[in-house]
Amino acid sequence: MRTSLKPTAVGAAGIASALLIWQLAALSRAAGGSLPQLGRVIGELGSLVGSPDFWSAAGATIGIALLGLAAAGVCGVTVGILVGSFEPVRYATRVVLEFLKPVPPIVILPLVVLVLGPTGEMSWFLVFLGCLLPITMQTVDGVHSTDPVARDTARSYGMPPAEILSRIVLPSALPYIGTAVRVTAPASLIITVVAGLLGGGPGLGQSLYLAQAGGDYATMYALVVILGVLGLLFQAATRAAERRLLHWHESYREAVH
């Protein structure tokens, strides 16, 4: 019991220290008056929670992020298996994938806004692009990590390629795919918010831009707090799903014992 309470107590102390620093900075006007006091932000949080417009924007943000992540997951795993399983495809796409890896999706935001406009489809497309490549690359690595002895043994027993894929290759690649989804889940939320903040897409990003443009700093910081909580929830949900899906994997068995 003592070991389980200690991290919780330390974490609570860290949060309290951060809030104290925030309040002291607001009282000293260290940010030139643009940092509101905690009381105002907490009050604005209560007002936002009671507003239907806030819940509509939050629903749009969560829906766009999850739909983009899901589409990227399906396409990324499919492309990753194809690239990882066939050497000609891997050699043909390796340079392109490596070139695109460091390019953030926000770079093409002006072009996507020009084509699709400040719409939910624009935000969804950016999320899809931002999550597709990491999932694809991790899936390729997972396919490459498959034990060649297990593959050869399966072939010697006459297993067809589809069965080898489902029973040998995919289980080997699943930890890599799980890691990719866990990493890209918060990124999907960030991209959705940036698409609304800079591209005018629907959701909390647009609400954040309107609050900033109107000088409503209490609302702006309240939205930032809400987005931080949403990011933690996204990460916790993907961790729980990964643990449930990969409970058979040795790393999770060791963690349990």
Protein backbone atom coordinates (compact mmCIF):
# COMPACT_ATOMS: atom_id res chain seq x y z
CA MET A 1 0.00 0.00 0.00
CA ARG A 2 2.84 2.37 0.88
CA THR A 3 4.53 1.93 -2.51
CA SER A 4 1.25 2.54 -4.37
CA LEU A 5 0.49 5.73 -2.46
CA LYS A 6 3.92 7.29 -2.81
CA PRO A 7 3.77 8.02 -6.59
CA THR A 8 0.25 9.38 -6.13
CA ALA A 9 1.35 11.70 -3.34
CA VAL A 10 4.37 12.92 -5.29
CA GLY A 11 2.23 13.48 -8.38
CA ALA A 12 -0.33 15.45 -6.37
CA ALA A 13 2.48 17.55 -4.88
CA GLY A 14 3.80 18.27 -8.37
CA ILE A 15 0.38 19.41 -9.58
CA ALA A 16 -0.08 21.60 -6.49
CA SER A 17 3.35 23.16 -7.03
CA ALA A 18 2.56 23.93 -10.67
CA LEU A 19 -0.74 25.56 -9.69
CA LEU A 20 0.99 27.59 -6.99
CA ILE A 21 3.58 28.84 -9.48
CA TRP A 22 0.76 29.73 -11.88
CA GLN A 23 -1.07 31.73 -9.20
CA LEU A 24 2.07 33.56 -8.08
CA ALA A 25 2.94 34.43 -11.69
CA ALA A 26 -0.59 35.74 -12.27
CA LEU A 27 -0.52 37.84 -9.09
CA SER A 28 2.88 39.31 -9.95
CA ARG A 29 1.71 40.05 -13.50
CA ALA A 30 4.86 38.34 -14.80
CA ALA A 31 3.15 37.78 -18.15
CA GLY A 32 2.01 41.36 -18.49
CA GLY A 33 -1.53 40.68 -17.38
CA SER A 34 -2.21 38.02 -20.01
CA LEU A 35 -2.05 35.20 -17.43
CA PRO A 36 -5.33 35.11 -15.46
CA GLN A 37 -5.58 33.97 -11.86
CA LEU A 38 -6.62 30.41 -11.11
CA GLY A 39 -9.99 31.49 -9.71
CA ARG A 40 -11.00 33.11 -13.00
CA VAL A 41 -9.89 30.08 -15.02
CA ILE A 42 -11.75 27.68 -12.73
CA GLY A 43 -14.85 29.83 -12.98
CA GLU A 44 -14.57 29.86 -16.76
CA LEU A 45 -14.20 26.07 -16.73
CA GLY A 46 -17.54 25.86 -14.94
CA SER A 47 -19.15 28.16 -17.50
CA LEU A 48 -17.76 26.13 -20.40
CA VAL A 49 -18.98 22.82 -18.97
CA GLY A 50 -22.48 24.27 -18.78
CA SER A 51 -22.43 25.55 -22.37
CA PRO A 52 -23.97 23.49 -25.21
CA ASP A 53 -21.62 25.19 -27.68
CA PHE A 54 -18.62 23.86 -25.76
CA TRP A 55 -19.90 20.29 -25.85
CA SER A 56 -20.62 20.60 -29.55
CA ALA A 57 -17.05 21.81 -30.18
CA ALA A 58 -15.59 19.11 -27.92
CA GLY A 59 -17.62 16.42 -29.69
CA ALA A 60 -16.42 17.67 -33.08
CA THR A 61 -12.79 17.62 -31.90
CA ILE A 62 -12.99 14.12 -30.41
CA GLY A 63 -14.94 12.75 -33.39
CA ILE A 64 -12.52 14.14 -35.99
CA ALA A 65 -9.49 12.90 -34.05
CA LEU A 66 -10.88 9.39 -33.56
CA LEU A 67 -12.14 9.02 -37.13
CA GLY A 68 -8.82 10.19 -38.56
CA LEU A 69 -6.89 7.87 -36.24
CA ALA A 70 -9.11 4.89 -37.08
CA ALA A 71 -8.81 5.46 -40.84
CA ALA A 72 -5.05 5.89 -40.53
CA GLY A 73 -4.87 2.70 -38.48
CA VAL A 74 -6.70 0.60 -41.07
CA CYS A 75 -4.79 2.03 -44.03
CA GLY A 76 -1.45 2.14 -42.20
CA VAL A 77 -1.59 -1.49 -41.11
CA THR A 78 -2.68 -2.61 -44.59
CA VAL A 79 0.07 -0.66 -46.35
CA GLY A 80 2.63 -1.66 -43.72
CA ILE A 81 1.91 -5.36 -44.19
CA LEU A 82 2.11 -4.97 -47.96
CA VAL A 83 5.40 -3.04 -47.80
CA GLY A 84 6.91 -5.31 -45.18
CA SER A 85 5.92 -8.57 -46.84
CA PHE A 86 7.16 -7.97 -50.37
CA GLU A 87 10.73 -6.85 -51.03
CA PRO A 88 10.03 -5.15 -54.41
CA VAL A 89 7.33 -3.01 -52.78
CA ARG A 90 9.66 -2.19 -49.86
CA TYR A 91 12.47 -1.11 -52.15
CA ALA A 92 10.10 0.93 -54.32
CA THR A 93 8.61 2.84 -51.37
CA ARG A 94 11.56 3.10 -48.96
CA VAL A 95 12.89 6.44 -50.23
CA VAL A 96 9.43 7.99 -50.39
CA LEU A 97 8.54 6.91 -46.85
CA GLU A 98 11.85 8.09 -45.44
CA PHE A 99 11.42 11.42 -47.22
CA LEU A 100 7.92 11.94 -45.81
CA LYS A 101 8.78 10.80 -42.26
CA PRO A 102 10.10 14.17 -40.95
CA VAL A 103 7.48 16.29 -42.78
CA PRO A 104 4.69 17.38 -40.37
CA PRO A 105 1.14 17.37 -41.78
CA ILE A 106 0.65 21.03 -40.77
CA VAL A 107 3.08 21.99 -43.56
CA ILE A 108 0.38 21.24 -46.14
CA LEU A 109 -2.36 22.94 -44.11
CA PRO A 110 -2.65 25.96 -46.47
CA LEU A 111 -3.02 23.67 -49.49
CA VAL A 112 -5.61 21.45 -47.78
CA VAL A 113 -7.60 24.51 -46.65
CA LEU A 114 -7.47 25.83 -50.22
CA VAL A 115 -8.86 22.56 -51.58
CA LEU A 116 -11.30 21.49 -48.85
CA GLY A 117 -11.95 24.79 -47.08
CA PRO A 118 -12.20 25.33 -43.31
CA THR A 119 -14.29 22.19 -42.82
CA GLY A 120 -14.33 19.02 -40.75
CA GLU A 121 -13.14 17.10 -43.80
CA MET A 122 -10.02 19.29 -43.90
CA SER A 123 -9.26 18.55 -40.24
CA TRP A 124 -9.95 14.85 -40.71
CA PHE A 125 -7.63 14.64 -43.71
CA LEU A 126 -4.80 16.29 -41.80
CA VAL A 127 -5.26 13.88 -38.88
CA PHE A 128 -5.30 10.97 -41.31
CA LEU A 129 -2.06 12.10 -42.93
CA GLY A 130 -0.39 12.82 -39.61
CA CYS A 131 -1.14 9.37 -38.18
CA LEU A 132 -0.78 7.28 -41.36
CA LEU A 133 2.98 7.32 -41.76
CA PRO A 134 3.97 6.43 -38.16
CA ILE A 135 1.54 3.51 -38.12
CA THR A 136 2.77 2.34 -41.54
CA MET A 137 6.44 2.50 -40.54
CA GLN A 138 5.87 0.69 -37.26
CA THR A 139 3.87 -2.01 -39.02
CA VAL A 140 6.70 -2.51 -41.51
CA ASP A 141 9.14 -2.88 -38.60
CA GLY A 142 6.79 -5.35 -36.93
CA VAL A 143 6.53 -7.47 -40.06
CA HIS A 144 10.33 -7.46 -40.37
CA SER A 145 10.65 -8.61 -36.75
CA THR A 146 8.73 -11.82 -37.43
CA ASP A 147 10.81 -14.87 -36.56
CA PRO A 148 11.99 -16.35 -39.89
CA VAL A 149 12.16 -19.80 -38.29
CA ALA A 150 8.47 -19.57 -37.38
CA ARG A 151 7.64 -18.54 -40.94
CA ASP A 152 9.67 -21.38 -42.45
CA THR A 153 8.12 -23.88 -40.04
CA ALA A 154 4.63 -22.70 -40.98
CA ARG A 155 5.45 -23.08 -44.67
CA SER A 156 6.88 -26.57 -44.11
CA TYR A 157 3.56 -27.59 -42.54
CA GLY A 158 1.77 -26.37 -45.65
CA MET A 159 0.12 -23.27 -44.20
CA PRO A 160 -1.23 -20.96 -46.90
CA PRO A 161 0.06 -17.35 -47.00
CA ALA A 162 -3.17 -15.94 -45.53
CA GLU A 163 -2.92 -18.24 -42.51
CA ILE A 164 0.77 -17.41 -42.02
CA LEU A 165 -0.17 -13.74 -42.09
CA SER A 166 -2.95 -14.09 -39.52
CA ARG A 167 -1.22 -16.55 -37.17
CA ILE A 168 2.46 -15.66 -37.43
CA VAL A 169 3.06 -12.22 -38.94
CA LEU A 170 0.25 -10.17 -37.39
CA PRO A 171 0.81 -11.38 -33.79
CA SER A 172 4.48 -10.49 -34.20
CA ALA A 173 3.64 -7.03 -35.55
CA LEU A 174 0.87 -6.22 -33.05
CA PRO A 175 3.16 -4.79 -30.32
CA TYR A 176 4.66 -2.42 -32.90
CA ILE A 177 1.21 -1.41 -34.14
CA GLY A 178 0.00 -0.90 -30.55
CA THR A 179 2.94 1.40 -29.84
CA ALA A 180 2.25 3.40 -33.00
CA VAL A 181 -1.43 3.88 -32.12
CA ARG A 182 -0.55 4.85 -28.54
CA VAL A 183 1.87 7.51 -29.82
CA THR A 184 -0.38 8.84 -32.58
CA ALA A 185 -3.55 9.04 -30.45
CA PRO A 186 -2.50 12.26 -28.65
CA ALA A 187 -1.03 13.50 -31.93
CA SER A 188 -4.44 13.11 -33.60
CA LEU A 189 -5.94 15.42 -30.98
CA ILE A 190 -3.13 17.95 -31.42
CA ILE A 191 -3.51 18.00 -35.21
CA THR A 192 -7.28 18.46 -34.90
CA VAL A 193 -6.81 21.43 -32.59
CA VAL A 194 -4.14 23.01 -34.80
CA ALA A 195 -6.37 22.53 -37.86
CA GLY A 196 -9.08 24.50 -36.07
CA LEU A 197 -6.69 27.07 -34.64
CA LEU A 198 -4.87 27.85 -37.89
CA GLY A 199 -7.19 26.50 -40.56
CA GLY A 200 -10.61 27.41 -39.21
CA GLY A 201 -11.81 23.82 -38.85
CA PRO A 202 -14.58 23.02 -36.36
CA GLY A 203 -13.88 22.11 -32.77
CA LEU A 204 -12.01 23.37 -29.75
CA GLY A 205 -9.17 24.76 -31.87
CA GLN A 206 -11.56 27.26 -33.41
CA SER A 207 -12.91 28.12 -29.95
CA LEU A 208 -9.33 28.66 -28.76
CA TYR A 209 -8.64 31.01 -31.68
CA LEU A 210 -11.80 33.05 -31.02
CA ALA A 211 -10.93 33.39 -27.33
CA GLN A 212 -7.37 34.49 -28.16
CA ALA A 213 -8.50 36.92 -30.84
CA GLY A 214 -11.05 38.45 -28.47
CA GLY A 215 -8.56 38.82 -25.61
CA ASP A 216 -10.59 36.44 -23.42
CA TYR A 217 -7.56 34.93 -21.70
CA ALA A 218 -9.51 33.17 -18.96
CA THR A 219 -11.48 31.21 -21.55
CA MET A 220 -8.34 30.55 -23.55
CA TYR A 221 -6.51 29.02 -20.58
CA ALA A 222 -9.62 27.08 -19.56
CA LEU A 223 -9.69 25.54 -23.02
CA VAL A 224 -5.98 24.73 -22.77
CA VAL A 225 -6.63 22.90 -19.48
CA ILE A 226 -9.50 20.97 -21.06
CA LEU A 227 -7.35 20.00 -24.02
CA GLY A 228 -4.64 18.78 -21.65
CA VAL A 229 -7.17 16.59 -19.85
CA LEU A 230 -8.44 15.26 -23.18
CA GLY A 231 -4.89 14.39 -24.19
CA LEU A 232 -4.40 12.44 -20.96
CA LEU A 233 -7.68 10.60 -21.54
CA PHE A 234 -6.67 9.71 -25.10
CA GLN A 235 -3.35 8.34 -23.89
CA ALA A 236 -4.92 6.41 -21.01
CA ALA A 237 -7.56 4.89 -23.31
CA THR A 238 -5.01 3.71 -25.86
CA ARG A 239 -2.78 2.28 -23.11
CA ALA A 240 -5.73 0.35 -21.68
CA ALA A 241 -6.73 -0.93 -25.14
CA GLU A 242 -3.14 -1.93 -25.90
CA ARG A 243 -2.81 -3.79 -22.59
CA ARG A 244 -6.10 -5.61 -23.16
CA LEU A 245 -5.27 -6.52 -26.76
CA LEU A 246 -1.72 -7.65 -25.99
CA HIS A 247 -2.28 -9.34 -22.63
CA TRP A 248 -0.71 -12.49 -24.09
CA HIS A 249 2.55 -10.74 -25.03
CA GLU A 250 5.58 -11.49 -22.87
CA SER A 251 6.19 -7.85 -21.93
CA TYR A 252 2.69 -7.55 -20.45
CA ARG A 253 2.89 -10.94 -18.74
CA GLU A 254 6.12 -9.83 -17.07
CA ALA A 255 4.52 -6.54 -16.00
CA VAL A 256 1.63 -8.42 -14.37
CA HIS A 257 3.96 -10.78 -12.48
